[in-house]
Amino acid sequence: MPTAVLAFDFDPLLRLGDGAVRWETIGIAVAIFVALVAFGATARSSGRRPDDLLFVVLGIVPGAVVGGRVGYVLLHPSFFGADPGRIIDPGVGSLELTLAIVGGAVTGSLVAALLDGQPGRWLHAAAAPLLLVVSVGKLAMVLGGSGQGQPTSGGLATAYVGPGPWGSLGPDLPSIPSQALEGIASFAVLLGLLVALSVPAMRRPDGRAFFAALAAWSVVRLVIASTWRDPVLIGPLRAEQAIDVAVIVAALLLALVVWIRSRRAPDRVDARPASVDRASA
């Protein structure tokens, strides 16, 4: 058996008395918390109401769950096709990340539109926090041995040799660290977005930054998914890669639509103070 460059041997569980929680879970929870704080700070700086922030975050949840479940079904069509009842069984399978983000963005935008009629400002505020939670969350998967890619005999490999329990099958088999590669690449996309936001055209809070970030991250995921253990289903593509291609095209089209609309209409300034009550508005 080839020797991995990095062989992890640690307890993936934080033991608290008779109970235990996975370090991976803690890492993902921290990533979500930090991203929510960043989202709230960005939204507040653009004049969004704090109570509206809560409603938008709550609005994201159902879309993320439904979208993530649809994506997971698309990843395993034969399994769910054999028994469609499994689709709505929360104890079977999991959620897929790409469509979870898309679904959450859709329902969150709908709630934002109902609240103040300016979902583009909320999407703009969510662009950087989205990439932050994805990058940190993916790196947190290393703590649980989840997301290991294809076995490899090359130098870029990781293995988990401790007793676990680990999140990947055959954890002791040296494999491409797909989860770590996606986390690092997503963080690079985040840095690129922060640089791009220094350009006046990207600073306009109409959602274009979010769509650009989503498209760039989907490109990263499209490339990294080629190292996954999932079977090829559609031509040369895995199911996840087909989803990524669709999201890239949709995000770029939406960014183009936003740009065209901005060329035709002057900037809309939200002059309503954040402290004005809704009845007065």
C-alpha atoms as a PDB file:
ATOM      1  CA  MET A   1       0.000   0.000   0.000  1.00  0.00           C
ATOM      2  CA  PRO A   2       1.423   3.429  -0.916  1.00  0.00           C
ATOM      3  CA  THR A   3       2.282   5.701   1.968  1.00  0.00           C
ATOM      4  CA  ALA A   4       0.278   8.903   2.260  1.00  0.00           C
ATOM      5  CA  VAL A   5       2.064  12.188   2.716  1.00  0.00           C
ATOM      6  CA  LEU A   6      -0.230  13.025   5.632  1.00  0.00           C
ATOM      7  CA  ALA A   7      -1.516  10.237   7.884  1.00  0.00           C
ATOM      8  CA  PHE A   8      -3.933  11.437  10.572  1.00  0.00           C
ATOM      9  CA  ASP A   9      -4.224   9.549  13.834  1.00  0.00           C
ATOM     10  CA  PHE A  10      -6.372  11.417  16.349  1.00  0.00           C
ATOM     11  CA  ASP A  11      -9.740  11.114  18.040  1.00  0.00           C
ATOM     12  CA  PRO A  12     -12.355  12.843  15.841  1.00  0.00           C
ATOM     13  CA  LEU A  13     -14.722  13.106  18.813  1.00  0.00           C
ATOM     14  CA  LEU A  14     -14.805  15.673  21.572  1.00  0.00           C
ATOM     15  CA  ARG A  15     -15.908  13.610  24.545  1.00  0.00           C
ATOM     16  CA  LEU A  16     -18.034  15.350  27.155  1.00  0.00           C
ATOM     17  CA  GLY A  17     -18.859  12.975  29.970  1.00  0.00           C
ATOM     18  CA  ASP A  18     -21.014  10.209  28.530  1.00  0.00           C
ATOM     19  CA  GLY A  19     -21.616  12.142  25.327  1.00  0.00           C
ATOM     20  CA  ALA A  20     -19.474  13.093  22.379  1.00  0.00           C
ATOM     21  CA  VAL A  21     -19.579  15.519  19.463  1.00  0.00           C
ATOM     22  CA  ARG A  22     -17.498  15.403  16.307  1.00  0.00           C
ATOM     23  CA  TRP A  23     -14.774  18.022  15.906  1.00  0.00           C
ATOM     24  CA  GLU A  24     -15.946  18.334  12.309  1.00  0.00           C
ATOM     25  CA  THR A  25     -19.406  19.353  13.527  1.00  0.00           C
ATOM     26  CA  ILE A  26     -17.905  21.955  15.838  1.00  0.00           C
ATOM     27  CA  GLY A  27     -15.803  23.347  12.996  1.00  0.00           C
ATOM     28  CA  ILE A  28     -18.799  23.640  10.677  1.00  0.00           C
ATOM     29  CA  ALA A  29     -20.861  25.272  13.427  1.00  0.00           C
ATOM     30  CA  VAL A  30     -18.106  27.829  14.011  1.00  0.00           C
ATOM     31  CA  ALA A  31     -17.951  28.504  10.254  1.00  0.00           C
ATOM     32  CA  ILE A  32     -21.710  29.123  10.119  1.00  0.00           C
ATOM     33  CA  PHE A  33     -21.579  31.421  13.157  1.00  0.00           C
ATOM     34  CA  VAL A  34     -18.707  33.494  11.772  1.00  0.00           C
ATOM     35  CA  ALA A  35     -20.421  33.749   8.382  1.00  0.00           C
ATOM     36  CA  LEU A  36     -23.678  34.903  10.001  1.00  0.00           C
ATOM     37  CA  VAL A  37     -21.807  37.569  11.969  1.00  0.00           C
ATOM     38  CA  ALA A  38     -20.082  38.748   8.787  1.00  0.00           C
ATOM     39  CA  PHE A  39     -23.404  38.713   6.912  1.00  0.00           C
ATOM     40  CA  GLY A  40     -25.069  40.739   9.652  1.00  0.00           C
ATOM     41  CA  ALA A  41     -22.246  43.273   9.814  1.00  0.00           C
ATOM     42  CA  THR A  42     -22.247  43.741   6.034  1.00  0.00           C
ATOM     43  CA  ALA A  43     -26.025  44.043   5.919  1.00  0.00           C
ATOM     44  CA  ARG A  44     -26.063  46.577   8.758  1.00  0.00           C
ATOM     45  CA  SER A  45     -23.403  48.678   7.054  1.00  0.00           C
ATOM     46  CA  SER A  46     -25.687  48.993   4.027  1.00  0.00           C
ATOM     47  CA  GLY A  47     -28.630  50.140   6.144  1.00  0.00           C
ATOM     48  CA  ARG A  48     -30.500  46.849   6.514  1.00  0.00           C
ATOM     49  CA  ARG A  49     -32.664  46.419   9.602  1.00  0.00           C
ATOM     50  CA  PRO A  50     -31.451  43.952  12.295  1.00  0.00           C
ATOM     51  CA  ASP A  51     -34.868  42.300  12.601  1.00  0.00           C
ATOM     52  CA  ASP A  52     -35.053  41.922   8.827  1.00  0.00           C
ATOM     53  CA  LEU A  53     -31.741  40.071   8.996  1.00  0.00           C
ATOM     54  CA  LEU A  54     -33.332  37.438  11.222  1.00  0.00           C
ATOM     55  CA  PHE A  55     -36.228  36.949   8.808  1.00  0.00           C
ATOM     56  CA  VAL A  56     -33.890  36.636   5.826  1.00  0.00           C
ATOM     57  CA  VAL A  57     -31.732  34.043   7.600  1.00  0.00           C
ATOM     58  CA  LEU A  58     -34.831  32.054   8.554  1.00  0.00           C
ATOM     59  CA  GLY A  59     -36.040  32.341   4.965  1.00  0.00           C
ATOM     60  CA  ILE A  60     -32.821  30.788   3.706  1.00  0.00           C
ATOM     61  CA  VAL A  61     -33.326  27.559   5.662  1.00  0.00           C
ATOM     62  CA  PRO A  62     -36.258  25.929   3.805  1.00  0.00           C
ATOM     63  CA  GLY A  63     -34.775  26.658   0.388  1.00  0.00           C
ATOM     64  CA  ALA A  64     -31.413  25.257   1.458  1.00  0.00           C
ATOM     65  CA  VAL A  65     -33.017  22.066   2.773  1.00  0.00           C
ATOM     66  CA  VAL A  66     -35.201  21.484  -0.284  1.00  0.00           C
ATOM     67  CA  GLY A  67     -32.468  22.424  -2.751  1.00  0.00           C
ATOM     68  CA  GLY A  68     -29.900  20.310  -0.947  1.00  0.00           C
ATOM     69  CA  ARG A  69     -32.224  17.328  -0.918  1.00  0.00           C
ATOM     70  CA  VAL A  70     -32.991  17.678  -4.629  1.00  0.00           C
ATOM     71  CA  GLY A  71     -29.272  17.842  -5.342  1.00  0.00           C
ATOM     72  CA  TYR A  72     -28.604  14.723  -3.277  1.00  0.00           C
ATOM     73  CA  VAL A  73     -31.322  12.841  -5.154  1.00  0.00           C
ATOM     74  CA  LEU A  74     -29.685  13.879  -8.433  1.00  0.00           C
ATOM     75  CA  LEU A  75     -26.385  12.493  -7.166  1.00  0.00           C
ATOM     76  CA  HIS A  76     -27.959   9.090  -6.438  1.00  0.00           C
ATOM     77  CA  PRO A  77     -30.805   8.679  -8.960  1.00  0.00           C
ATOM     78  CA  SER A  78     -30.877   4.875  -9.005  1.00  0.00           C
ATOM     79  CA  PHE A  79     -31.011   4.604  -5.211  1.00  0.00           C
ATOM     80  CA  PHE A  80     -33.945   6.977  -4.853  1.00  0.00           C
ATOM     81  CA  GLY A  81     -35.577   5.762  -8.063  1.00  0.00           C
ATOM     82  CA  ALA A  82     -35.859   2.285  -6.569  1.00  0.00           C
ATOM     83  CA  ASP A  83     -37.906   3.663  -3.684  1.00  0.00           C
ATOM     84  CA  PRO A  84     -39.148   7.266  -4.142  1.00  0.00           C
ATOM     85  CA  GLY A  85     -40.336   7.301  -0.552  1.00  0.00           C
ATOM     86  CA  ARG A  86     -36.721   7.648   0.509  1.00  0.00           C
ATOM     87  CA  ILE A  87     -36.662  11.163  -0.936  1.00  0.00           C
ATOM     88  CA  ILE A  88     -38.719  12.590   1.923  1.00  0.00           C
ATOM     89  CA  ASP A  89     -37.200  10.350   4.594  1.00  0.00           C
ATOM     90  CA  PRO A  90     -34.788  12.570   6.602  1.00  0.00           C
ATOM     91  CA  GLY A  91     -33.067   9.483   7.977  1.00  0.00           C
ATOM     92  CA  VAL A  92     -31.887   8.400   4.536  1.00  0.00           C
ATOM     93  CA  GLY A  93     -28.994  10.160   2.827  1.00  0.00           C
ATOM     94  CA  SER A  94     -28.013  13.777   3.229  1.00  0.00           C
ATOM     95  CA  LEU A  95     -27.976  17.125   1.385  1.00  0.00           C
ATOM     96  CA  GLU A  96     -25.962  18.327  -1.594  1.00  0.00           C
ATOM     97  CA  LEU A  97     -24.139  21.624  -1.130  1.00  0.00           C
ATOM     98  CA  THR A  98     -24.450  23.392  -4.496  1.00  0.00           C
ATOM     99  CA  LEU A  99     -28.227  23.292  -4.821  1.00  0.00           C
ATOM    100  CA  ALA A 100     -28.559  23.922  -1.089  1.00  0.00           C
ATOM    101  CA  ILE A 101     -26.829  27.263  -1.659  1.00  0.00           C
ATOM    102  CA  VAL A 102     -28.970  27.984  -4.715  1.00  0.00           C
ATOM    103  CA  GLY A 103     -32.190  27.076  -2.921  1.00  0.00           C
ATOM    104  CA  GLY A 104     -31.259  29.146   0.118  1.00  0.00           C
ATOM    105  CA  ALA A 105     -30.428  32.127  -2.093  1.00  0.00           C
ATOM    106  CA  VAL A 106     -33.811  31.860  -3.842  1.00  0.00           C
ATOM    107  CA  THR A 107     -35.970  31.695  -0.714  1.00  0.00           C
ATOM    108  CA  GLY A 108     -33.819  34.218   1.140  1.00  0.00           C
ATOM    109  CA  SER A 109     -34.192  36.630  -1.779  1.00  0.00           C
ATOM    110  CA  LEU A 110     -37.959  36.144  -1.802  1.00  0.00           C
ATOM    111  CA  VAL A 111     -38.144  37.030   1.883  1.00  0.00           C
ATOM    112  CA  ALA A 112     -35.868  40.037   1.327  1.00  0.00           C
ATOM    113  CA  ALA A 113     -38.070  41.210  -1.543  1.00  0.00           C
ATOM    114  CA  LEU A 114     -41.123  41.063   0.703  1.00  0.00           C
ATOM    115  CA  LEU A 115     -39.351  42.957   3.480  1.00  0.00           C
ATOM    116  CA  ASP A 116     -37.819  45.900   1.647  1.00  0.00           C
ATOM    117  CA  GLY A 117     -38.077  45.184  -2.071  1.00  0.00           C
ATOM    118  CA  GLN A 118     -34.288  45.115  -2.544  1.00  0.00           C
ATOM    119  CA  PRO A 119     -33.035  41.509  -2.584  1.00  0.00           C
ATOM    120  CA  GLY A 120     -29.965  42.583  -4.538  1.00  0.00           C
ATOM    121  CA  ARG A 121     -28.592  44.387  -1.495  1.00  0.00           C
ATOM    122  CA  TRP A 122     -28.998  41.262   0.624  1.00  0.00           C
ATOM    123  CA  LEU A 123     -27.327  39.102  -2.019  1.00  0.00           C
ATOM    124  CA  HIS A 124     -24.458  41.573  -2.166  1.00  0.00           C
ATOM    125  CA  ALA A 125     -24.034  41.341   1.606  1.00  0.00           C
ATOM    126  CA  ALA A 126     -24.073  37.528   1.429  1.00  0.00           C
ATOM    127  CA  ALA A 127     -21.372  37.108  -1.236  1.00  0.00           C
ATOM    128  CA  ALA A 128     -18.269  37.109   0.978  1.00  0.00           C
ATOM    129  CA  PRO A 129     -19.896  35.283   3.949  1.00  0.00           C
ATOM    130  CA  LEU A 130     -20.998  32.527   1.560  1.00  0.00           C
ATOM    131  CA  LEU A 131     -17.442  31.858   0.423  1.00  0.00           C
ATOM    132  CA  LEU A 132     -16.218  32.122   4.009  1.00  0.00           C
ATOM    133  CA  VAL A 133     -18.591  29.459   5.338  1.00  0.00           C
ATOM    134  CA  VAL A 134     -17.866  27.147   2.402  1.00  0.00           C
ATOM    135  CA  SER A 135     -14.080  27.404   2.733  1.00  0.00           C
ATOM    136  CA  VAL A 136     -13.985  26.983   6.513  1.00  0.00           C
ATOM    137  CA  GLY A 137     -16.671  24.288   6.441  1.00  0.00           C
ATOM    138  CA  LYS A 138     -14.785  22.260   3.865  1.00  0.00           C
ATOM    139  CA  LEU A 139     -11.553  22.514   5.823  1.00  0.00           C
ATOM    140  CA  ALA A 140     -13.454  21.417   8.938  1.00  0.00           C
ATOM    141  CA  MET A 141     -14.309  18.164   7.146  1.00  0.00           C
ATOM    142  CA  VAL A 142     -10.650  17.219   7.490  1.00  0.00           C
ATOM    143  CA  LEU A 143     -11.278  16.887  11.234  1.00  0.00           C
ATOM    144  CA  GLY A 144     -13.758  14.087  10.586  1.00  0.00           C
ATOM    145  CA  GLY A 145     -12.136  12.317   7.675  1.00  0.00           C
ATOM    146  CA  SER A 146     -15.094  13.228   5.451  1.00  0.00           C
ATOM    147  CA  GLY A 147     -14.894  14.101   1.777  1.00  0.00           C
ATOM    148  CA  GLN A 148     -11.880  11.990   0.838  1.00  0.00           C
ATOM    149  CA  GLY A 149     -11.450  11.698  -2.922  1.00  0.00           C
ATOM    150  CA  GLN A 150     -10.164   8.955  -5.173  1.00  0.00           C
ATOM    151  CA  PRO A 151      -7.339   6.704  -3.955  1.00  0.00           C
ATOM    152  CA  THR A 152      -3.970   7.823  -5.229  1.00  0.00           C
ATOM    153  CA  SER A 153      -0.375   6.679  -5.141  1.00  0.00           C
ATOM    154  CA  GLY A 154       0.911  10.176  -5.752  1.00  0.00           C
ATOM    155  CA  GLY A 155       2.417  12.562  -3.257  1.00  0.00           C
ATOM    156  CA  LEU A 156      -0.788  14.573  -2.724  1.00  0.00           C
ATOM    157  CA  ALA A 157      -2.645  12.140  -0.461  1.00  0.00           C
ATOM    158  CA  THR A 158      -4.081  11.860   3.037  1.00  0.00           C
ATOM    159  CA  ALA A 159      -5.150   8.884   5.115  1.00  0.00           C
ATOM    160  CA  TYR A 160      -6.836   8.360   8.488  1.00  0.00           C
ATOM    161  CA  VAL A 161      -5.265   5.533  10.445  1.00  0.00           C
ATOM    162  CA  GLY A 162      -6.856   6.025  13.851  1.00  0.00           C
ATOM    163  CA  PRO A 163      -9.908   4.089  15.096  1.00  0.00           C
ATOM    164  CA  GLY A 164     -12.311   6.877  14.085  1.00  0.00           C
ATOM    165  CA  PRO A 165     -15.175   6.818  13.400  1.00  0.00           C
ATOM    166  CA  TRP A 166     -14.291   8.563  10.134  1.00  0.00           C
ATOM    167  CA  GLY A 167     -16.626  10.053   7.561  1.00  0.00           C
ATOM    168  CA  SER A 168     -15.213   8.339   4.453  1.00  0.00           C
ATOM    169  CA  LEU A 169     -15.160   4.710   3.408  1.00  0.00           C
ATOM    170  CA  GLY A 170     -11.710   3.155   3.482  1.00  0.00           C
ATOM    171  CA  PRO A 171     -10.235   6.024   5.499  1.00  0.00           C
ATOM    172  CA  ASP A 172      -6.833   4.316   5.780  1.00  0.00           C
ATOM    173  CA  LEU A 173      -6.491   4.236   1.988  1.00  0.00           C
ATOM    174  CA  PRO A 174      -4.288   7.132   0.784  1.00  0.00           C
ATOM    175  CA  SER A 175      -6.608   9.376  -1.206  1.00  0.00           C
ATOM    176  CA  ILE A 176      -6.807  12.805  -2.776  1.00  0.00           C
ATOM    177  CA  PRO A 177      -7.908  15.266  -0.047  1.00  0.00           C
ATOM    178  CA  SER A 178     -10.814  16.649  -2.062  1.00  0.00           C
ATOM    179  CA  GLN A 179     -12.360  18.410   0.934  1.00  0.00           C
ATOM    180  CA  ALA A 180      -9.136  20.271   1.786  1.00  0.00           C
ATOM    181  CA  LEU A 181      -8.480  21.222  -1.832  1.00  0.00           C
ATOM    182  CA  GLU A 182     -11.976  22.674  -2.184  1.00  0.00           C
ATOM    183  CA  GLY A 183     -11.623  24.576   1.078  1.00  0.00           C
ATOM    184  CA  ILE A 184      -8.313  26.123   0.044  1.00  0.00           C
ATOM    185  CA  ALA A 185      -9.557  26.948  -3.454  1.00  0.00           C
ATOM    186  CA  SER A 186     -12.776  28.463  -2.051  1.00  0.00           C
ATOM    187  CA  PHE A 187     -10.719  30.670   0.250  1.00  0.00           C
ATOM    188  CA  ALA A 188      -8.714  31.796  -2.776  1.00  0.00           C
ATOM    189  CA  VAL A 189     -11.989  32.707  -4.502  1.00  0.00           C
ATOM    190  CA  LEU A 190     -12.954  34.698  -1.392  1.00  0.00           C
ATOM    191  CA  LEU A 191      -9.697  36.656  -1.557  1.00  0.00           C
ATOM    192  CA  GLY A 192     -10.307  37.278  -5.254  1.00  0.00           C
ATOM    193  CA  LEU A 193     -13.805  38.565  -4.478  1.00  0.00           C
ATOM    194  CA  LEU A 194     -12.491  40.964  -1.845  1.00  0.00           C
ATOM    195  CA  VAL A 195     -10.032  42.331  -4.390  1.00  0.00           C
ATOM    196  CA  ALA A 196     -12.772  42.581  -7.028  1.00  0.00           C
ATOM    197  CA  LEU A 197     -14.962  44.552  -4.620  1.00  0.00           C
ATOM    198  CA  SER A 198     -12.418  47.369  -4.835  1.00  0.00           C
ATOM    199  CA  VAL A 199     -13.662  47.917  -8.404  1.00  0.00           C
ATOM    200  CA  PRO A 200     -16.620  50.354  -8.423  1.00  0.00           C
ATOM    201  CA  ALA A 201     -18.639  48.186 -10.804  1.00  0.00           C
ATOM    202  CA  MET A 202     -18.480  45.257  -8.386  1.00  0.00           C
ATOM    203  CA  ARG A 203     -19.337  47.371  -5.334  1.00  0.00           C
ATOM    204  CA  ARG A 204     -22.789  48.175  -6.647  1.00  0.00           C
ATOM    205  CA  PRO A 205     -25.182  46.345  -4.282  1.00  0.00           C
ATOM    206  CA  ASP A 206     -27.469  44.759  -6.830  1.00  0.00           C
ATOM    207  CA  GLY A 207     -26.438  41.102  -6.528  1.00  0.00           C
ATOM    208  CA  ARG A 208     -23.796  40.984  -9.249  1.00  0.00           C
ATOM    209  CA  ALA A 209     -21.038  40.250  -6.703  1.00  0.00           C
ATOM    210  CA  PHE A 210     -23.032  37.307  -5.348  1.00  0.00           C
ATOM    211  CA  PHE A 211     -23.623  35.812  -8.791  1.00  0.00           C
ATOM    212  CA  ALA A 212     -19.967  36.282  -9.710  1.00  0.00           C
ATOM    213  CA  ALA A 213     -18.895  34.602  -6.463  1.00  0.00           C
ATOM    214  CA  LEU A 214     -21.336  31.740  -7.015  1.00  0.00           C
ATOM    215  CA  ALA A 215     -20.103  31.191 -10.572  1.00  0.00           C
ATOM    216  CA  ALA A 216     -16.426  31.280  -9.540  1.00  0.00           C
ATOM    217  CA  TRP A 217     -16.988  28.871  -6.654  1.00  0.00           C
ATOM    218  CA  SER A 218     -18.964  26.524  -8.907  1.00  0.00           C
ATOM    219  CA  VAL A 219     -15.997  26.436 -11.290  1.00  0.00           C
ATOM    220  CA  VAL A 220     -13.811  25.396  -8.350  1.00  0.00           C
ATOM    221  CA  ARG A 221     -16.306  22.706  -7.373  1.00  0.00           C
ATOM    222  CA  LEU A 222     -16.551  21.510 -10.980  1.00  0.00           C
ATOM    223  CA  VAL A 223     -12.798  20.944 -11.063  1.00  0.00           C
ATOM    224  CA  ILE A 224     -12.513  19.410  -7.588  1.00  0.00           C
ATOM    225  CA  ALA A 225     -15.459  17.077  -8.222  1.00  0.00           C
ATOM    226  CA  SER A 226     -13.341  15.332 -10.854  1.00  0.00           C
ATOM    227  CA  THR A 227     -11.397  13.845  -7.926  1.00  0.00           C
ATOM    228  CA  TRP A 228     -14.496  12.488  -6.166  1.00  0.00           C
ATOM    229  CA  ARG A 229     -15.295   8.809  -5.829  1.00  0.00           C
ATOM    230  CA  ASP A 230     -18.745   9.248  -7.380  1.00  0.00           C
ATOM    231  CA  PRO A 231     -19.361   7.454 -10.695  1.00  0.00           C
ATOM    232  CA  VAL A 232     -19.488   9.234 -14.037  1.00  0.00           C
ATOM    233  CA  LEU A 233     -23.166   9.514 -15.028  1.00  0.00           C
ATOM    234  CA  ILE A 234     -23.592  12.117 -17.793  1.00  0.00           C
ATOM    235  CA  GLY A 235     -21.050  11.833 -20.580  1.00  0.00           C
ATOM    236  CA  PRO A 236     -17.646  12.567 -19.009  1.00  0.00           C
ATOM    237  CA  LEU A 237     -19.246  14.298 -16.030  1.00  0.00           C
ATOM    238  CA  ARG A 238     -20.241  13.165 -12.594  1.00  0.00           C
ATOM    239  CA  ALA A 239     -23.696  14.255 -11.446  1.00  0.00           C
ATOM    240  CA  GLU A 240     -22.200  16.971  -9.243  1.00  0.00           C
ATOM    241  CA  GLN A 241     -20.243  18.357 -12.172  1.00  0.00           C
ATOM    242  CA  ALA A 242     -23.397  18.537 -14.290  1.00  0.00           C
ATOM    243  CA  ILE A 243     -25.078  20.488 -11.484  1.00  0.00           C
ATOM    244  CA  ASP A 244     -22.082  22.808 -11.300  1.00  0.00           C
ATOM    245  CA  VAL A 245     -22.188  23.508 -15.032  1.00  0.00           C
ATOM    246  CA  ALA A 246     -25.881  24.418 -14.805  1.00  0.00           C
ATOM    247  CA  VAL A 247     -25.243  26.726 -11.837  1.00  0.00           C
ATOM    248  CA  ILE A 248     -22.303  28.421 -13.588  1.00  0.00           C
ATOM    249  CA  VAL A 249     -24.428  29.169 -16.646  1.00  0.00           C
ATOM    250  CA  ALA A 250     -27.377  30.398 -14.572  1.00  0.00           C
ATOM    251  CA  ALA A 251     -25.205  32.589 -12.334  1.00  0.00           C
ATOM    252  CA  LEU A 252     -23.435  34.204 -15.270  1.00  0.00           C
ATOM    253  CA  LEU A 253     -26.739  34.861 -17.032  1.00  0.00           C
ATOM    254  CA  LEU A 254     -28.173  36.464 -13.900  1.00  0.00           C
ATOM    255  CA  ALA A 255     -25.045  38.595 -13.502  1.00  0.00           C
ATOM    256  CA  LEU A 256     -25.437  39.704 -17.118  1.00  0.00           C
ATOM    257  CA  VAL A 257     -29.115  40.559 -16.591  1.00  0.00           C
ATOM    258  CA  VAL A 258     -28.259  42.616 -13.504  1.00  0.00           C
ATOM    259  CA  TRP A 259     -25.518  44.440 -15.401  1.00  0.00           C
ATOM    260  CA  ILE A 260     -27.837  45.229 -18.335  1.00  0.00           C
ATOM    261  CA  ARG A 261     -30.546  46.524 -15.997  1.00  0.00           C
ATOM    262  CA  SER A 262     -28.026  48.739 -14.223  1.00  0.00           C
ATOM    263  CA  ARG A 263     -27.020  50.257 -17.552  1.00  0.00           C
ATOM    264  CA  ARG A 264     -30.617  51.132 -18.342  1.00  0.00           C
ATOM    265  CA  ALA A 265     -31.610  52.556 -14.962  1.00  0.00           C
ATOM    266  CA  PRO A 266     -29.871  55.009 -12.626  1.00  0.00           C
ATOM    267  CA  ASP A 267     -28.706  53.957  -9.208  1.00  0.00           C
ATOM    268  CA  ARG A 268     -31.507  53.513  -6.697  1.00  0.00           C
ATOM    269  CA  VAL A 269     -30.567  54.893  -3.327  1.00  0.00           C
ATOM    270  CA  ASP A 270     -32.278  53.397  -0.320  1.00  0.00           C
ATOM    271  CA  ALA A 271     -32.800  56.578   1.627  1.00  0.00           C
ATOM    272  CA  ARG A 272     -34.980  55.039   4.295  1.00  0.00           C
ATOM    273  CA  PRO A 273     -33.159  55.138   7.635  1.00  0.00           C
ATOM    274  CA  ALA A 274     -32.714  51.793   9.307  1.00  0.00           C
ATOM    275  CA  SER A 275     -34.437  53.106  12.422  1.00  0.00           C
ATOM    276  CA  VAL A 276     -37.689  54.107  10.683  1.00  0.00           C
ATOM    277  CA  ASP A 277     -40.492  51.836  11.767  1.00  0.00           C
ATOM    278  CA  ARG A 278     -42.252  49.771   9.127  1.00  0.00           C
ATOM    279  CA  ALA A 279     -45.611  51.538   9.541  1.00  0.00           C
ATOM    280  CA  SER A 280     -44.079  54.922   8.787  1.00  0.00           C
ATOM    281  CA  ALA A 281     -42.229  53.483   5.790  1.00  0.00           C
END
